C-alpha atoms as a PDB file:
ATOM      1  CA  MET A   1     138.834-138.066 -38.875  1.00  0.00           C
ATOM      2  CA  SER A   2     142.258-136.739 -37.936  1.00  0.00           C
ATOM      3  CA  ARG A   3     142.806-134.572 -34.909  1.00  0.00           C
ATOM      4  CA  LEU A   4     144.498-131.213 -34.996  1.00  0.00           C
ATOM      5  CA  PRO A   5     148.168-131.238 -34.000  1.00  0.00           C
ATOM      6  CA  ARG A   6     148.654-130.663 -30.310  1.00  0.00           C
ATOM      7  CA  LYS A   7     150.628-127.548 -29.415  1.00  0.00           C
ATOM      8  CA  ILE A   8     153.724-127.343 -27.247  1.00  0.00           C
ATOM      9  CA  LEU A   9     155.347-124.121 -26.036  1.00  0.00           C
ATOM     10  CA  ILE A  10     159.089-123.721 -25.475  1.00  0.00           C
ATOM     11  CA  ILE A  11     160.253-120.616 -23.606  1.00  0.00           C
ATOM     12  CA  ILE A  12     163.795-119.310 -24.056  1.00  0.00           C
ATOM     13  CA  GLY A  13     165.978-116.504 -22.795  1.00  0.00           C
ATOM     14  CA  PRO A  14     169.430-115.250 -23.796  1.00  0.00           C
ATOM     15  CA  GLU A  15     172.154-117.896 -23.471  1.00  0.00           C
ATOM     16  CA  PHE A  16     169.727-120.827 -23.349  1.00  0.00           C
ATOM     17  CA  GLU A  17     171.468-124.196 -23.686  1.00  0.00           C
ATOM     18  CA  ASP A  18     171.281-124.836 -27.429  1.00  0.00           C
ATOM     19  CA  LEU A  19     171.142-128.638 -27.158  1.00  0.00           C
ATOM     20  CA  GLU A  20     168.388-128.482 -24.549  1.00  0.00           C
ATOM     21  CA  PHE A  21     166.302-126.410 -26.951  1.00  0.00           C
ATOM     22  CA  PHE A  22     166.933-128.177 -30.253  1.00  0.00           C
ATOM     23  CA  TYR A  23     166.661-131.758 -29.017  1.00  0.00           C
ATOM     24  CA  PRO A  24     163.131-131.395 -27.555  1.00  0.00           C
ATOM     25  CA  TYR A  25     162.057-129.094 -30.387  1.00  0.00           C
ATOM     26  CA  TYR A  26     162.823-131.605 -33.111  1.00  0.00           C
ATOM     27  CA  ARG A  27     161.857-134.624 -31.033  1.00  0.00           C
ATOM     28  CA  LEU A  28     158.385-133.167 -30.476  1.00  0.00           C
ATOM     29  CA  VAL A  29     158.030-132.116 -34.128  1.00  0.00           C
ATOM     30  CA  GLU A  30     158.987-135.678 -35.069  1.00  0.00           C
ATOM     31  CA  GLU A  31     156.108-136.934 -32.914  1.00  0.00           C
ATOM     32  CA  GLY A  32     153.652-134.670 -34.744  1.00  0.00           C
ATOM     33  CA  TYR A  33     153.346-131.837 -32.242  1.00  0.00           C
ATOM     34  CA  GLN A  34     153.117-128.211 -33.327  1.00  0.00           C
ATOM     35  CA  VAL A  35     155.950-126.543 -31.413  1.00  0.00           C
ATOM     36  CA  GLU A  36     156.024-122.786 -30.872  1.00  0.00           C
ATOM     37  CA  VAL A  37     158.708-120.700 -29.221  1.00  0.00           C
ATOM     38  CA  ALA A  38     158.323-117.667 -26.969  1.00  0.00           C
ATOM     39  CA  GLY A  39     161.072-115.240 -26.048  1.00  0.00           C
ATOM     40  CA  PRO A  40     161.562-111.817 -24.468  1.00  0.00           C
ATOM     41  CA  SER A  41     160.809-110.121 -27.820  1.00  0.00           C
ATOM     42  CA  ASN A  42     160.349-111.074 -31.464  1.00  0.00           C
ATOM     43  CA  GLU A  43     164.083-110.608 -32.027  1.00  0.00           C
ATOM     44  CA  PRO A  44     166.285-113.711 -32.375  1.00  0.00           C
ATOM     45  CA  VAL A  45     167.608-115.095 -29.082  1.00  0.00           C
ATOM     46  CA  GLN A  46     171.178-116.380 -29.013  1.00  0.00           C
ATOM     47  CA  GLY A  47     172.025-119.590 -27.194  1.00  0.00           C
ATOM     48  CA  LYS A  48     175.199-120.348 -25.227  1.00  0.00           C
ATOM     49  CA  ARG A  49     176.770-122.049 -28.233  1.00  0.00           C
ATOM     50  CA  GLY A  50     175.900-119.257 -30.668  1.00  0.00           C
ATOM     51  CA  TYR A  51     172.782-120.620 -32.356  1.00  0.00           C
ATOM     52  CA  ARG A  52     170.041-118.052 -32.821  1.00  0.00           C
ATOM     53  CA  VAL A  53     166.331-118.814 -32.579  1.00  0.00           C
ATOM     54  CA  LYS A  54     163.613-116.401 -33.678  1.00  0.00           C
ATOM     55  CA  PRO A  55     160.637-116.717 -31.318  1.00  0.00           C
ATOM     56  CA  ASP A  56     157.157-117.090 -32.735  1.00  0.00           C
ATOM     57  CA  TYR A  57     155.839-114.842 -29.965  1.00  0.00           C
ATOM     58  CA  GLU A  58     157.064-112.634 -27.184  1.00  0.00           C
ATOM     59  CA  PHE A  59     156.130-113.744 -23.668  1.00  0.00           C
ATOM     60  CA  SER A  60     153.437-111.073 -23.314  1.00  0.00           C
ATOM     61  CA  ARG A  61     151.500-112.564 -26.255  1.00  0.00           C
ATOM     62  CA  VAL A  62     151.379-116.150 -24.966  1.00  0.00           C
ATOM     63  CA  ASN A  63     148.057-117.625 -23.895  1.00  0.00           C
ATOM     64  CA  PRO A  64     148.939-120.803 -21.955  1.00  0.00           C
ATOM     65  CA  ARG A  65     145.419-122.194 -22.541  1.00  0.00           C
ATOM     66  CA  GLU A  66     146.307-122.653 -26.224  1.00  0.00           C
ATOM     67  CA  TYR A  67     149.041-125.195 -25.401  1.00  0.00           C
ATOM     68  CA  ASP A  68     149.105-128.797 -24.261  1.00  0.00           C
ATOM     69  CA  GLY A  69     152.597-128.750 -22.748  1.00  0.00           C
ATOM     70  CA  LEU A  70     155.563-126.572 -21.811  1.00  0.00           C
ATOM     71  CA  VAL A  71     159.314-127.139 -22.257  1.00  0.00           C
ATOM     72  CA  ILE A  72     161.886-125.101 -20.339  1.00  0.00           C
ATOM     73  CA  PRO A  73     165.475-125.568 -21.585  1.00  0.00           C
ATOM     74  CA  GLY A  74     168.362-124.749 -19.275  1.00  0.00           C
ATOM     75  CA  GLY A  75     171.570-122.841 -19.741  1.00  0.00           C
ATOM     76  CA  ARG A  76     171.671-119.229 -18.598  1.00  0.00           C
ATOM     77  CA  GLY A  77     168.329-118.481 -20.247  1.00  0.00           C
ATOM     78  CA  PRO A  78     166.145-119.339 -17.234  1.00  0.00           C
ATOM     79  CA  GLU A  79     168.212-117.055 -15.001  1.00  0.00           C
ATOM     80  CA  ARG A  80     167.817-114.229 -17.525  1.00  0.00           C
ATOM     81  CA  ILE A  81     164.015-114.503 -17.771  1.00  0.00           C
ATOM     82  CA  ARG A  82     162.903-115.914 -14.403  1.00  0.00           C
ATOM     83  CA  ASN A  83     161.861-112.506 -13.030  1.00  0.00           C
ATOM     84  CA  ASN A  84     159.690-111.669 -16.020  1.00  0.00           C
ATOM     85  CA  ASP A  85     156.051-111.554 -14.828  1.00  0.00           C
ATOM     86  CA  TYR A  86     154.790-113.103 -18.056  1.00  0.00           C
ATOM     87  CA  VAL A  87     157.236-116.018 -17.764  1.00  0.00           C
ATOM     88  CA  ARG A  88     156.252-116.681 -14.146  1.00  0.00           C
ATOM     89  CA  ASN A  89     152.560-116.564 -15.052  1.00  0.00           C
ATOM     90  CA  ILE A  90     153.058-118.923 -18.007  1.00  0.00           C
ATOM     91  CA  ALA A  91     154.863-121.493 -15.846  1.00  0.00           C
ATOM     92  CA  LYS A  92     152.374-121.167 -13.002  1.00  0.00           C
ATOM     93  CA  SER A  93     149.435-121.609 -15.376  1.00  0.00           C
ATOM     94  CA  PHE A  94     150.782-124.879 -16.798  1.00  0.00           C
ATOM     95  CA  ILE A  95     151.478-126.311 -13.344  1.00  0.00           C
ATOM     96  CA  GLU A  96     148.135-125.213 -11.882  1.00  0.00           C
ATOM     97  CA  GLU A  97     146.202-126.584 -14.876  1.00  0.00           C
ATOM     98  CA  ASN A  98     148.089-129.879 -14.503  1.00  0.00           C
ATOM     99  CA  LYS A  99     149.454-129.667 -18.057  1.00  0.00           C
ATOM    100  CA  PRO A 100     152.748-131.480 -18.773  1.00  0.00           C
ATOM    101  CA  VAL A 101     155.873-129.427 -18.073  1.00  0.00           C
ATOM    102  CA  ALA A 102     159.423-130.510 -18.956  1.00  0.00           C
ATOM    103  CA  ALA A 103     162.335-128.607 -17.376  1.00  0.00           C
ATOM    104  CA  ILE A 104     166.018-129.436 -17.605  1.00  0.00           C
ATOM    105  CA  CYS A 105     169.264-128.180 -16.100  1.00  0.00           C
ATOM    106  CA  HIS A 106     168.623-124.585 -14.902  1.00  0.00           C
ATOM    107  CA  GLY A 107     165.023-124.686 -16.176  1.00  0.00           C
ATOM    108  CA  PRO A 108     163.609-125.200 -12.664  1.00  0.00           C
ATOM    109  CA  GLN A 109     164.780-121.663 -11.803  1.00  0.00           C
ATOM    110  CA  ILE A 110     161.681-120.438 -13.636  1.00  0.00           C
ATOM    111  CA  LEU A 111     159.500-122.795 -11.587  1.00  0.00           C
ATOM    112  CA  ILE A 112     161.178-121.551  -8.405  1.00  0.00           C
ATOM    113  CA  SER A 113     160.409-117.936  -9.314  1.00  0.00           C
ATOM    114  CA  ALA A 114     156.837-118.921 -10.218  1.00  0.00           C
ATOM    115  CA  GLY A 115     156.465-120.386  -6.719  1.00  0.00           C
ATOM    116  CA  VAL A 116     155.308-123.811  -7.898  1.00  0.00           C
ATOM    117  CA  LEU A 117     157.944-126.249  -6.604  1.00  0.00           C
ATOM    118  CA  ARG A 118     156.948-126.545  -2.942  1.00  0.00           C
ATOM    119  CA  GLY A 119     156.198-130.184  -2.143  1.00  0.00           C
ATOM    120  CA  ARG A 120     157.363-131.436  -5.547  1.00  0.00           C
ATOM    121  CA  ARG A 121     160.039-134.055  -6.255  1.00  0.00           C
ATOM    122  CA  VAL A 122     162.468-132.787  -8.927  1.00  0.00           C
ATOM    123  CA  THR A 123     165.975-132.886 -10.293  1.00  0.00           C
ATOM    124  CA  SER A 124     168.092-130.221 -11.972  1.00  0.00           C
ATOM    125  CA  TYR A 125     171.655-129.237 -12.641  1.00  0.00           C
ATOM    126  CA  TRP A 126     173.466-129.846  -9.346  1.00  0.00           C
ATOM    127  CA  GLY A 127     174.514-126.166  -9.138  1.00  0.00           C
ATOM    128  CA  ILE A 128     170.932-125.071  -8.364  1.00  0.00           C
ATOM    129  CA  LYS A 129     170.169-127.930  -5.958  1.00  0.00           C
ATOM    130  CA  ASP A 130     170.141-125.574  -2.946  1.00  0.00           C
ATOM    131  CA  ASP A 131     167.757-123.205  -4.750  1.00  0.00           C
ATOM    132  CA  VAL A 132     165.403-126.089  -5.511  1.00  0.00           C
ATOM    133  CA  VAL A 133     165.509-127.315  -1.906  1.00  0.00           C
ATOM    134  CA  ASN A 134     165.041-123.769  -0.544  1.00  0.00           C
ATOM    135  CA  ALA A 135     161.952-123.483  -2.766  1.00  0.00           C
ATOM    136  CA  GLY A 136     160.451-126.397  -0.828  1.00  0.00           C
ATOM    137  CA  ALA A 137     161.079-129.232  -3.281  1.00  0.00           C
ATOM    138  CA  GLU A 138     162.785-132.564  -2.738  1.00  0.00           C
ATOM    139  CA  TRP A 139     165.864-132.649  -4.988  1.00  0.00           C
ATOM    140  CA  VAL A 140     166.805-136.074  -6.373  1.00  0.00           C
ATOM    141  CA  ASP A 141     170.024-136.939  -8.225  1.00  0.00           C
ATOM    142  CA  GLU A 142     168.498-139.061 -11.001  1.00  0.00           C
ATOM    143  CA  PRO A 143     168.534-138.592 -14.787  1.00  0.00           C
ATOM    144  CA  VAL A 144     164.769-138.052 -14.952  1.00  0.00           C
ATOM    145  CA  VAL A 145     162.258-137.364 -12.191  1.00  0.00           C
ATOM    146  CA  VAL A 146     158.520-137.442 -12.810  1.00  0.00           C
ATOM    147  CA  ASP A 147     156.202-135.793 -10.285  1.00  0.00           C
ATOM    148  CA  ASN A 148     152.657-135.833 -11.634  1.00  0.00           C
ATOM    149  CA  ASN A 149     152.729-133.428 -14.619  1.00  0.00           C
ATOM    150  CA  LEU A 150     156.324-132.259 -14.055  1.00  0.00           C
ATOM    151  CA  VAL A 151     159.245-134.006 -15.788  1.00  0.00           C
ATOM    152  CA  THR A 152     162.712-132.786 -14.838  1.00  0.00           C
ATOM    153  CA  ALA A 153     166.236-133.739 -15.888  1.00  0.00           C
ATOM    154  CA  ARG A 154     169.763-132.714 -14.955  1.00  0.00           C
ATOM    155  CA  VAL A 155     171.983-132.282 -18.017  1.00  0.00           C
ATOM    156  CA  PRO A 156     172.035-132.833 -21.802  1.00  0.00           C
ATOM    157  CA  ASP A 157     173.010-136.510 -21.381  1.00  0.00           C
ATOM    158  CA  ASP A 158     169.603-137.016 -19.722  1.00  0.00           C
ATOM    159  CA  MET A 159     167.627-135.701 -22.692  1.00  0.00           C
ATOM    160  CA  PRO A 160     166.586-139.005 -24.338  1.00  0.00           C
ATOM    161  CA  PRO A 161     164.863-140.431 -21.232  1.00  0.00           C
ATOM    162  CA  TRP A 162     163.579-136.939 -20.309  1.00  0.00           C
ATOM    163  CA  MET A 163     161.790-136.472 -23.632  1.00  0.00           C
ATOM    164  CA  LYS A 164     160.598-140.084 -23.627  1.00  0.00           C
ATOM    165  CA  LYS A 165     158.834-139.541 -20.272  1.00  0.00           C
ATOM    166  CA  PHE A 166     157.493-136.135 -21.313  1.00  0.00           C
ATOM    167  CA  ILE A 167     156.011-137.556 -24.521  1.00  0.00           C
ATOM    168  CA  GLU A 168     154.486-140.472 -22.575  1.00  0.00           C
ATOM    169  CA  ILE A 169     152.741-137.985 -20.279  1.00  0.00           C
ATOM    170  CA  LEU A 170     151.587-135.855 -23.231  1.00  0.00           C
ATOM    171  CA  GLU A 171     150.140-138.933 -24.908  1.00  0.00           C
ATOM    172  CA  SER A 172     148.291-139.967 -21.762  1.00  0.00           C
ATOM    173  CA  THR A 173     146.538-136.591 -21.374  1.00  0.00           C
END
């Protein structure tokens, strides 16, 4: 008897880092996950490098309970959507329910706004280090940092080990 594909949610905002979206998207699809994308509306969202992605759902329609994991790409997208109540509630729900969360580059800005980084050990793009520390987290300059259900990375070069760790955690849950 085969099991249903597990579902992963990726949230994006305008000027998301294209590579940090497409690499995890296709990597997770390759592993057999059903990957869905949420954005500010149902209209296509343009990344920093000009690629456009049409979300499956707008943030207000997302039920975090339907997903097994969350991916938060970086770029300017997190800054653009971090104050959206739905986005904060989505991120908070995944962390509180101890579901795997992968955030890279500026992605932790969403976790900061959701108020879920205090006491966590994370990494990010160096430019938001102070924000991460001011949110009560320990910032570490390593390619990938795993803190329980949270897997963080700094920059696109860190994506292979970042996704490897995230998939390991997904498979263990």
